[in-house]
PDB file of all heavy atoms in Angstrom:
ATOM      1  N   TYR A   1      -2.538  -5.627  -2.934  1.00  0.00           N
ATOM      2  CA  TYR A   1      -2.916  -4.268  -3.313  1.00  0.00           C
ATOM      3  C   TYR A   1      -3.494  -3.555  -2.095  1.00  0.00           C
ATOM      4  O   TYR A   1      -4.068  -4.181  -1.216  1.00  0.00           O
ATOM      5  CB  TYR A   1      -4.047  -4.286  -4.354  1.00  0.00           C
ATOM      6  CG  TYR A   1      -3.658  -4.788  -5.711  1.00  0.00           C
ATOM      7  CD1 TYR A   1      -3.561  -6.146  -5.981  1.00  0.00           C
ATOM      8  CD2 TYR A   1      -3.427  -3.891  -6.747  1.00  0.00           C
ATOM      9  CE1 TYR A   1      -3.235  -6.607  -7.233  1.00  0.00           C
ATOM     10  CE2 TYR A   1      -3.104  -4.349  -8.014  1.00  0.00           C
ATOM     11  CZ  TYR A   1      -3.006  -5.706  -8.251  1.00  0.00           C
ATOM     12  OH  TYR A   1      -2.679  -6.150  -9.501  1.00  0.00           O
ATOM     13  N   CYS A   2      -3.378  -2.239  -2.095  1.00  0.00           N
ATOM     14  CA  CYS A   2      -4.041  -1.416  -1.088  1.00  0.00           C
ATOM     15  C   CYS A   2      -4.469  -0.129  -1.769  1.00  0.00           C
ATOM     16  O   CYS A   2      -3.698   0.461  -2.529  1.00  0.00           O
ATOM     17  CB  CYS A   2      -3.087  -1.106   0.062  1.00  0.00           C
ATOM     18  SG  CYS A   2      -3.789  -0.001   1.315  1.00  0.00           S
ATOM     19  N   TYR A   3      -5.687   0.295  -1.530  1.00  0.00           N
ATOM     20  CA  TYR A   3      -6.135   1.572  -2.086  1.00  0.00           C
ATOM     21  C   TYR A   3      -5.388   2.702  -1.398  1.00  0.00           C
ATOM     22  O   TYR A   3      -5.173   2.674  -0.186  1.00  0.00           O
ATOM     23  CB  TYR A   3      -7.651   1.723  -1.951  1.00  0.00           C
ATOM     24  CG  TYR A   3      -8.360   0.716  -2.814  1.00  0.00           C
ATOM     25  CD1 TYR A   3      -9.003  -0.376  -2.261  1.00  0.00           C
ATOM     26  CD2 TYR A   3      -8.341   0.840  -4.195  1.00  0.00           C
ATOM     27  CE1 TYR A   3      -9.612  -1.327  -3.057  1.00  0.00           C
ATOM     28  CE2 TYR A   3      -8.942  -0.107  -5.005  1.00  0.00           C
ATOM     29  CZ  TYR A   3      -9.582  -1.189  -4.431  1.00  0.00           C
ATOM     30  OH  TYR A   3     -10.170  -2.125  -5.227  1.00  0.00           O
ATOM     31  N   ALA A   4      -4.993   3.690  -2.180  1.00  0.00           N
ATOM     32  CA  ALA A   4      -4.132   4.769  -1.686  1.00  0.00           C
ATOM     33  C   ALA A   4      -4.780   5.601  -0.589  1.00  0.00           C
ATOM     34  O   ALA A   4      -4.075   6.204   0.220  1.00  0.00           O
ATOM     35  CB  ALA A   4      -3.703   5.663  -2.852  1.00  0.00           C
ATOM     36  N   ASP A   5      -6.106   5.629  -0.530  1.00  0.00           N
ATOM     37  CA  ASP A   5      -6.771   6.406   0.512  1.00  0.00           C
ATOM     38  C   ASP A   5      -7.366   5.524   1.616  1.00  0.00           C
ATOM     39  O   ASP A   5      -8.148   5.984   2.438  1.00  0.00           O
ATOM     40  CB  ASP A   5      -7.836   7.334  -0.082  1.00  0.00           C
ATOM     41  CG  ASP A   5      -8.804   6.616  -0.997  1.00  0.00           C
ATOM     42  OD1 ASP A   5      -8.530   5.469  -1.391  1.00  0.00           O
ATOM     43  OD2 ASP A   5      -9.839   7.210  -1.343  1.00  0.00           O
ATOM     44  N   ASN A   6      -6.962   4.265   1.653  1.00  0.00           N
ATOM     45  CA  ASN A   6      -7.388   3.342   2.695  1.00  0.00           C
ATOM     46  C   ASN A   6      -6.774   3.786   4.029  1.00  0.00           C
ATOM     47  O   ASN A   6      -5.560   3.990   4.114  1.00  0.00           O
ATOM     48  CB  ASN A   6      -6.916   1.927   2.346  1.00  0.00           C
ATOM     49  CG  ASN A   6      -7.393   0.868   3.299  1.00  0.00           C
ATOM     50  OD1 ASN A   6      -7.727   1.139   4.437  1.00  0.00           O
ATOM     51  ND2 ASN A   6      -7.407  -0.356   2.833  1.00  0.00           N
ATOM     52  N   PRO A   7      -7.585   3.943   5.069  1.00  0.00           N
ATOM     53  CA  PRO A   7      -7.033   4.320   6.369  1.00  0.00           C
ATOM     54  C   PRO A   7      -5.993   3.326   6.894  1.00  0.00           C
ATOM     55  O   PRO A   7      -5.165   3.685   7.726  1.00  0.00           O
ATOM     56  CB  PRO A   7      -8.256   4.350   7.290  1.00  0.00           C
ATOM     57  CG  PRO A   7      -9.417   4.525   6.390  1.00  0.00           C
ATOM     58  CD  PRO A   7      -9.050   3.854   5.092  1.00  0.00           C
ATOM     59  N   ALA A   8      -5.999   2.102   6.395  1.00  0.00           N
ATOM     60  CA  ALA A   8      -5.041   1.087   6.843  1.00  0.00           C
ATOM     61  C   ALA A   8      -3.697   1.185   6.126  1.00  0.00           C
ATOM     62  O   ALA A   8      -2.780   0.420   6.429  1.00  0.00           O
ATOM     63  CB  ALA A   8      -5.634  -0.309   6.636  1.00  0.00           C
ATOM     64  N   LEU A   9      -3.548   2.127   5.199  1.00  0.00           N
ATOM     65  CA  LEU A   9      -2.319   2.234   4.407  1.00  0.00           C
ATOM     66  C   LEU A   9      -1.075   2.375   5.284  1.00  0.00           C
ATOM     67  O   LEU A   9      -0.054   1.731   5.023  1.00  0.00           O
ATOM     68  CB  LEU A   9      -2.423   3.417   3.429  1.00  0.00           C
ATOM     69  CG  LEU A   9      -1.199   3.662   2.553  1.00  0.00           C
ATOM     70  CD1 LEU A   9      -0.905   2.453   1.672  1.00  0.00           C
ATOM     71  CD2 LEU A   9      -1.408   4.905   1.702  1.00  0.00           C
ATOM     72  N   LYS A  10      -1.163   3.181   6.323  1.00  0.00           N
ATOM     73  CA  LYS A  10      -0.009   3.369   7.219  1.00  0.00           C
ATOM     74  C   LYS A  10       0.418   2.022   7.826  1.00  0.00           C
ATOM     75  O   LYS A  10       1.598   1.710   7.910  1.00  0.00           O
ATOM     76  CB  LYS A  10      -0.373   4.370   8.313  1.00  0.00           C
ATOM     77  CG  LYS A  10       0.764   4.708   9.242  1.00  0.00           C
ATOM     78  CD  LYS A  10       0.322   5.755  10.266  1.00  0.00           C
ATOM     79  CE  LYS A  10       1.418   6.026  11.273  1.00  0.00           C
ATOM     80  NZ  LYS A  10       0.983   7.000  12.278  1.00  0.00           N
ATOM     81  N   GLY A  11      -0.552   1.222   8.233  1.00  0.00           N
ATOM     82  CA  GLY A  11      -0.257  -0.096   8.793  1.00  0.00           C
ATOM     83  C   GLY A  11       0.371  -1.028   7.771  1.00  0.00           C
ATOM     84  O   GLY A  11       1.286  -1.790   8.084  1.00  0.00           O
ATOM     85  N   TYR A  12      -0.116  -0.975   6.526  1.00  0.00           N
ATOM     86  CA  TYR A  12       0.470  -1.797   5.455  1.00  0.00           C
ATOM     87  C   TYR A  12       1.920  -1.392   5.208  1.00  0.00           C
ATOM     88  O   TYR A  12       2.783  -2.239   4.994  1.00  0.00           O
ATOM     89  CB  TYR A  12      -0.324  -1.655   4.161  1.00  0.00           C
ATOM     90  CG  TYR A  12      -1.615  -2.433   4.128  1.00  0.00           C
ATOM     91  CD1 TYR A  12      -2.831  -1.790   3.922  1.00  0.00           C
ATOM     92  CD2 TYR A  12      -1.624  -3.807   4.278  1.00  0.00           C
ATOM     93  CE1 TYR A  12      -4.016  -2.507   3.870  1.00  0.00           C
ATOM     94  CE2 TYR A  12      -2.800  -4.527   4.230  1.00  0.00           C
ATOM     95  CZ  TYR A  12      -3.991  -3.873   4.028  1.00  0.00           C
ATOM     96  OH  TYR A  12      -5.157  -4.574   3.987  1.00  0.00           O
ATOM     97  N   ARG A  13       2.173  -0.094   5.230  1.00  0.00           N
ATOM     98  CA  ARG A  13       3.552   0.368   5.017  1.00  0.00           C
ATOM     99  C   ARG A  13       4.470  -0.110   6.141  1.00  0.00           C
ATOM    100  O   ARG A  13       5.616  -0.504   5.891  1.00  0.00           O
ATOM    101  CB  ARG A  13       3.583   1.894   4.901  1.00  0.00           C
ATOM    102  CG  ARG A  13       3.067   2.360   3.552  1.00  0.00           C
ATOM    103  CD  ARG A  13       3.183   3.854   3.370  1.00  0.00           C
ATOM    104  NE  ARG A  13       2.996   4.174   1.967  1.00  0.00           N
ATOM    105  CZ  ARG A  13       2.303   5.218   1.534  1.00  0.00           C
ATOM    106  NH1 ARG A  13       1.728   6.047   2.392  1.00  0.00           N
ATOM    107  NH2 ARG A  13       2.183   5.437   0.240  1.00  0.00           N
ATOM    108  N   LYS A  14       3.980  -0.104   7.370  1.00  0.00           N
ATOM    109  CA  LYS A  14       4.770  -0.613   8.497  1.00  0.00           C
ATOM    110  C   LYS A  14       5.019  -2.110   8.337  1.00  0.00           C
ATOM    111  O   LYS A  14       6.118  -2.600   8.591  1.00  0.00           O
ATOM    112  CB  LYS A  14       4.033  -0.361   9.816  1.00  0.00           C
ATOM    113  CG  LYS A  14       4.092   1.044  10.321  1.00  0.00           C
ATOM    114  CD  LYS A  14       3.157   1.167  11.511  1.00  0.00           C
ATOM    115  CE  LYS A  14       3.822   1.761  12.691  1.00  0.00           C
ATOM    116  NZ  LYS A  14       2.876   1.953  13.815  1.00  0.00           N
ATOM    117  N   LEU A  15       3.977  -2.819   7.920  1.00  0.00           N
ATOM    118  CA  LEU A  15       4.080  -4.274   7.752  1.00  0.00           C
ATOM    119  C   LEU A  15       5.117  -4.635   6.695  1.00  0.00           C
ATOM    120  O   LEU A  15       5.977  -5.489   6.917  1.00  0.00           O
ATOM    121  CB  LEU A  15       2.706  -4.839   7.378  1.00  0.00           C
ATOM    122  CG  LEU A  15       2.591  -6.343   7.253  1.00  0.00           C
ATOM    123  CD1 LEU A  15       2.810  -7.019   8.606  1.00  0.00           C
ATOM    124  CD2 LEU A  15       1.217  -6.722   6.710  1.00  0.00           C
ATOM    125  N   VAL A  16       5.038  -3.996   5.542  1.00  0.00           N
ATOM    126  CA  VAL A  16       5.966  -4.321   4.463  1.00  0.00           C
ATOM    127  C   VAL A  16       7.401  -3.938   4.851  1.00  0.00           C
ATOM    128  O   VAL A  16       8.355  -4.653   4.537  1.00  0.00           O
ATOM    129  CB  VAL A  16       5.518  -3.697   3.118  1.00  0.00           C
ATOM    130  CG1 VAL A  16       5.852  -2.235   3.025  1.00  0.00           C
ATOM    131  CG2 VAL A  16       6.078  -4.458   1.941  1.00  0.00           C
ATOM    132  N   LYS A  17       7.561  -2.835   5.579  1.00  0.00           N
ATOM    133  CA  LYS A  17       8.890  -2.419   6.034  1.00  0.00           C
ATOM    134  C   LYS A  17       9.450  -3.432   7.035  1.00  0.00           C
ATOM    135  O   LYS A  17      10.636  -3.762   7.002  1.00  0.00           O
ATOM    136  CB  LYS A  17       8.808  -1.026   6.666  1.00  0.00           C
ATOM    137  CG  LYS A  17      10.135  -0.476   7.080  1.00  0.00           C
ATOM    138  CD  LYS A  17       9.997   0.927   7.643  1.00  0.00           C
ATOM    139  CE  LYS A  17      11.354   1.461   8.065  1.00  0.00           C
ATOM    140  NZ  LYS A  17      11.254   2.803   8.638  1.00  0.00           N
ATOM    141  N   ARG A  18       8.589  -3.925   7.912  1.00  0.00           N
ATOM    142  CA  ARG A  18       9.002  -4.904   8.927  1.00  0.00           C
ATOM    143  C   ARG A  18       9.640  -6.137   8.295  1.00  0.00           C
ATOM    144  O   ARG A  18      10.568  -6.726   8.831  1.00  0.00           O
ATOM    145  CB  ARG A  18       7.782  -5.306   9.752  1.00  0.00           C
ATOM    146  CG  ARG A  18       8.048  -6.386  10.751  1.00  0.00           C
ATOM    147  CD  ARG A  18       6.798  -6.746  11.500  1.00  0.00           C
ATOM    148  NE  ARG A  18       7.104  -7.606  12.607  1.00  0.00           N
ATOM    149  CZ  ARG A  18       6.367  -7.713  13.675  1.00  0.00           C
ATOM    150  NH1 ARG A  18       5.267  -7.011  13.813  1.00  0.00           N
ATOM    151  NH2 ARG A  18       6.707  -8.540  14.633  1.00  0.00           N
ATOM    152  N   PHE A  19       9.121  -6.541   7.124  1.00  0.00           N
ATOM    153  CA  PHE A  19       9.622  -7.741   6.463  1.00  0.00           C
ATOM    154  C   PHE A  19      10.660  -7.449   5.382  1.00  0.00           C
ATOM    155  O   PHE A  19      11.150  -8.366   4.734  1.00  0.00           O
ATOM    156  CB  PHE A  19       8.454  -8.525   5.843  1.00  0.00           C
ATOM    157  CG  PHE A  19       7.667  -9.296   6.860  1.00  0.00           C
ATOM    158  CD1 PHE A  19       6.470  -8.799   7.340  1.00  0.00           C
ATOM    159  CD2 PHE A  19       8.123 -10.516   7.343  1.00  0.00           C
ATOM    160  CE1 PHE A  19       5.735  -9.503   8.275  1.00  0.00           C
ATOM    161  CE2 PHE A  19       7.401 -11.224   8.281  1.00  0.00           C
ATOM    162  CZ  PHE A  19       6.204 -10.719   8.750  1.00  0.00           C
ATOM    163  N   GLY A  20      10.975  -6.171   5.137  1.00  0.00           N
ATOM    164  CA  GLY A  20      11.983  -5.828   4.133  1.00  0.00           C
ATOM    165  C   GLY A  20      11.415  -5.730   2.726  1.00  0.00           C
ATOM    166  O   GLY A  20      12.165  -5.733   1.754  1.00  0.00           O
ATOM    167  N   GLY A  21      10.100  -5.633   2.604  1.00  0.00           N
ATOM    168  CA  GLY A  21       9.466  -5.536   1.294  1.00  0.00           C
ATOM    169  C   GLY A  21       9.427  -4.102   0.795  1.00  0.00           C
ATOM    170  O   GLY A  21      10.130  -3.229   1.315  1.00  0.00           O
ATOM    171  N   ARG A  22       8.584  -3.861  -0.220  1.00  0.00           N
ATOM    172  CA  ARG A  22       8.530  -2.524  -0.797  1.00  0.00           C
ATOM    173  C   ARG A  22       7.200  -2.268  -1.491  1.00  0.00           C
ATOM    174  O   ARG A  22       6.443  -3.201  -1.761  1.00  0.00           O
ATOM    175  CB  ARG A  22       9.663  -2.319  -1.785  1.00  0.00           C
ATOM    176  CG  ARG A  22       9.533  -3.208  -3.017  1.00  0.00           C
ATOM    177  CD  ARG A  22      10.777  -3.118  -3.891  1.00  0.00           C
ATOM    178  NE  ARG A  22      10.572  -3.863  -5.111  1.00  0.00           N
ATOM    179  CZ  ARG A  22      10.335  -3.311  -6.289  1.00  0.00           C
ATOM    180  NH1 ARG A  22      10.295  -2.010  -6.421  1.00  0.00           N
ATOM    181  NH2 ARG A  22      10.171  -4.050  -7.360  1.00  0.00           N
ATOM    182  N   GLU A  23       6.963  -1.017  -1.780  1.00  0.00           N
ATOM    183  CA  GLU A  23       5.863  -0.627  -2.651  1.00  0.00           C
ATOM    184  C   GLU A  23       6.402  -0.758  -4.070  1.00  0.00           C
ATOM    185  O   GLU A  23       7.361  -0.099  -4.430  1.00  0.00           O
ATOM    186  CB  GLU A  23       5.433   0.817  -2.375  1.00  0.00           C
ATOM    187  CG  GLU A  23       4.830   1.010  -1.010  1.00  0.00           C
ATOM    188  CD  GLU A  23       4.415   2.445  -0.725  1.00  0.00           C
ATOM    189  OE1 GLU A  23       4.042   3.173  -1.676  1.00  0.00           O
ATOM    190  OE2 GLU A  23       4.453   2.831   0.451  1.00  0.00           O
ATOM    191  N   SER A  24       5.801  -1.614  -4.875  1.00  0.00           N
ATOM    192  CA  SER A  24       6.370  -1.880  -6.196  1.00  0.00           C
ATOM    193  C   SER A  24       5.645  -1.176  -7.336  1.00  0.00           C
ATOM    194  O   SER A  24       6.178  -1.105  -8.434  1.00  0.00           O
ATOM    195  CB  SER A  24       6.412  -3.387  -6.464  1.00  0.00           C
ATOM    196  OG  SER A  24       5.119  -3.928  -6.397  1.00  0.00           O
ATOM    197  N   ALA A  25       4.441  -0.655  -7.089  1.00  0.00           N
ATOM    198  CA  ALA A  25       3.731   0.053  -8.159  1.00  0.00           C
ATOM    199  C   ALA A  25       2.654   0.953  -7.578  1.00  0.00           C
ATOM    200  O   ALA A  25       2.116   0.684  -6.501  1.00  0.00           O
ATOM    201  CB  ALA A  25       3.105  -0.946  -9.126  1.00  0.00           C
ATOM    202  N   TYR A  26       2.359   1.993  -8.323  1.00  0.00           N
ATOM    203  CA  TYR A  26       1.261   2.890  -7.983  1.00  0.00           C
ATOM    204  C   TYR A  26       0.372   2.958  -9.217  1.00  0.00           C
ATOM    205  O   TYR A  26       0.819   3.379 -10.295  1.00  0.00           O
ATOM    206  CB  TYR A  26       1.792   4.285  -7.622  1.00  0.00           C
ATOM    207  CG  TYR A  26       0.740   5.183  -7.008  1.00  0.00           C
ATOM    208  CD1 TYR A  26       0.631   5.310  -5.633  1.00  0.00           C
ATOM    209  CD2 TYR A  26      -0.157   5.890  -7.809  1.00  0.00           C
ATOM    210  CE1 TYR A  26      -0.337   6.124  -5.052  1.00  0.00           C
ATOM    211  CE2 TYR A  26      -1.132   6.700  -7.242  1.00  0.00           C
ATOM    212  CZ  TYR A  26      -1.212   6.817  -5.872  1.00  0.00           C
ATOM    213  OH  TYR A  26      -2.178   7.611  -5.309  1.00  0.00           O
ATOM    214  N   LEU A  27      -0.846   2.486  -9.087  1.00  0.00           N
ATOM    215  CA  LEU A  27      -1.783   2.433 -10.216  1.00  0.00           C
ATOM    216  C   LEU A  27      -2.848   3.505 -10.013  1.00  0.00           C
ATOM    217  O   LEU A  27      -3.482   3.562  -8.957  1.00  0.00           O
ATOM    218  CB  LEU A  27      -2.428   1.053 -10.301  1.00  0.00           C
ATOM    219  CG  LEU A  27      -1.448  -0.121 -10.308  1.00  0.00           C
ATOM    220  CD1 LEU A  27      -2.196  -1.430 -10.190  1.00  0.00           C
ATOM    221  CD2 LEU A  27      -0.600  -0.101 -11.560  1.00  0.00           C
ATOM    222  N   ARG A  28      -3.068   4.312 -11.022  1.00  0.00           N
ATOM    223  CA  ARG A  28      -3.990   5.438 -10.887  1.00  0.00           C
ATOM    224  C   ARG A  28      -5.386   5.083 -11.384  1.00  0.00           C
ATOM    225  O   ARG A  28      -5.546   4.478 -12.438  1.00  0.00           O
ATOM    226  CB  ARG A  28      -3.435   6.628 -11.655  1.00  0.00           C
ATOM    227  CG  ARG A  28      -2.103   7.085 -11.043  1.00  0.00           C
ATOM    228  CD  ARG A  28      -1.452   8.203 -11.785  1.00  0.00           C
ATOM    229  NE  ARG A  28      -2.360   9.332 -11.902  1.00  0.00           N
ATOM    230  CZ  ARG A  28      -2.356  10.161 -12.933  1.00  0.00           C
ATOM    231  NH1 ARG A  28      -1.514   9.996 -13.919  1.00  0.00           N
ATOM    232  NH2 ARG A  28      -3.204  11.175 -12.961  1.00  0.00           N
ATOM    233  N   GLN A  29      -6.376   5.467 -10.604  1.00  0.00           N
ATOM    234  CA  GLN A  29      -7.792   5.352 -10.944  1.00  0.00           C
ATOM    235  C   GLN A  29      -8.150   3.957 -11.484  1.00  0.00           C
ATOM    236  O   GLN A  29      -8.691   3.814 -12.568  1.00  0.00           O
ATOM    237  CB  GLN A  29      -8.181   6.432 -11.951  1.00  0.00           C
ATOM    238  CG  GLN A  29      -7.965   7.824 -11.413  1.00  0.00           C
ATOM    239  CD  GLN A  29      -8.334   8.913 -12.409  1.00  0.00           C
ATOM    240  OE1 GLN A  29      -8.796   8.648 -13.504  1.00  0.00           O
ATOM    241  NE2 GLN A  29      -8.127  10.143 -12.002  1.00  0.00           N
ATOM    242  N   VAL A  30      -7.893   2.937 -10.677  1.00  0.00           N
ATOM    243  CA  VAL A  30      -8.085   1.560 -11.129  1.00  0.00           C
ATOM    244  C   VAL A  30      -9.394   0.908 -10.702  1.00  0.00           C
ATOM    245  O   VAL A  30      -9.819  -0.066 -11.311  1.00  0.00           O
ATOM    246  CB  VAL A  30      -6.911   0.644 -10.698  1.00  0.00           C
ATOM    247  CG1 VAL A  30      -5.644   1.042 -11.390  1.00  0.00           C
ATOM    248  CG2 VAL A  30      -6.728   0.647  -9.196  1.00  0.00           C
ATOM    249  N   SER A  31     -10.021   1.413  -9.642  1.00  0.00           N
ATOM    250  CA  SER A  31     -11.240   0.763  -9.148  1.00  0.00           C
ATOM    251  C   SER A  31     -12.273   1.778  -8.696  1.00  0.00           C
ATOM    252  O   SER A  31     -11.958   2.729  -7.987  1.00  0.00           O
ATOM    253  CB  SER A  31     -10.923  -0.148  -7.960  1.00  0.00           C
ATOM    254  OG  SER A  31     -10.185  -1.262  -8.359  1.00  0.00           O
ATOM    255  N   LYS A  32     -13.504   1.497  -9.080  1.00  0.00           N
ATOM    256  CA  LYS A  32     -14.626   2.288  -8.589  1.00  0.00           C
ATOM    257  C   LYS A  32     -15.191   1.548  -7.386  1.00  0.00           C
ATOM    258  O   LYS A  32     -15.581   0.385  -7.484  1.00  0.00           O
ATOM    259  CB  LYS A  32     -15.681   2.417  -9.678  1.00  0.00           C
ATOM    260  CG  LYS A  32     -16.854   3.283  -9.297  1.00  0.00           C
ATOM    261  CD  LYS A  32     -17.679   3.512 -10.542  1.00  0.00           C
ATOM    262  CE  LYS A  32     -19.108   3.773 -10.262  1.00  0.00           C
ATOM    263  NZ  LYS A  32     -19.867   3.918 -11.499  1.00  0.00           N
TER     264      LYS A  32
END
């Protein structure tokens, strides 16, 4: 999981793309 406003999100997207993976779900308002 990665929080949508995490500054590291761009890096996670690069990482998953590098390995051929994907974003499989977007969960709204799940954690305080």
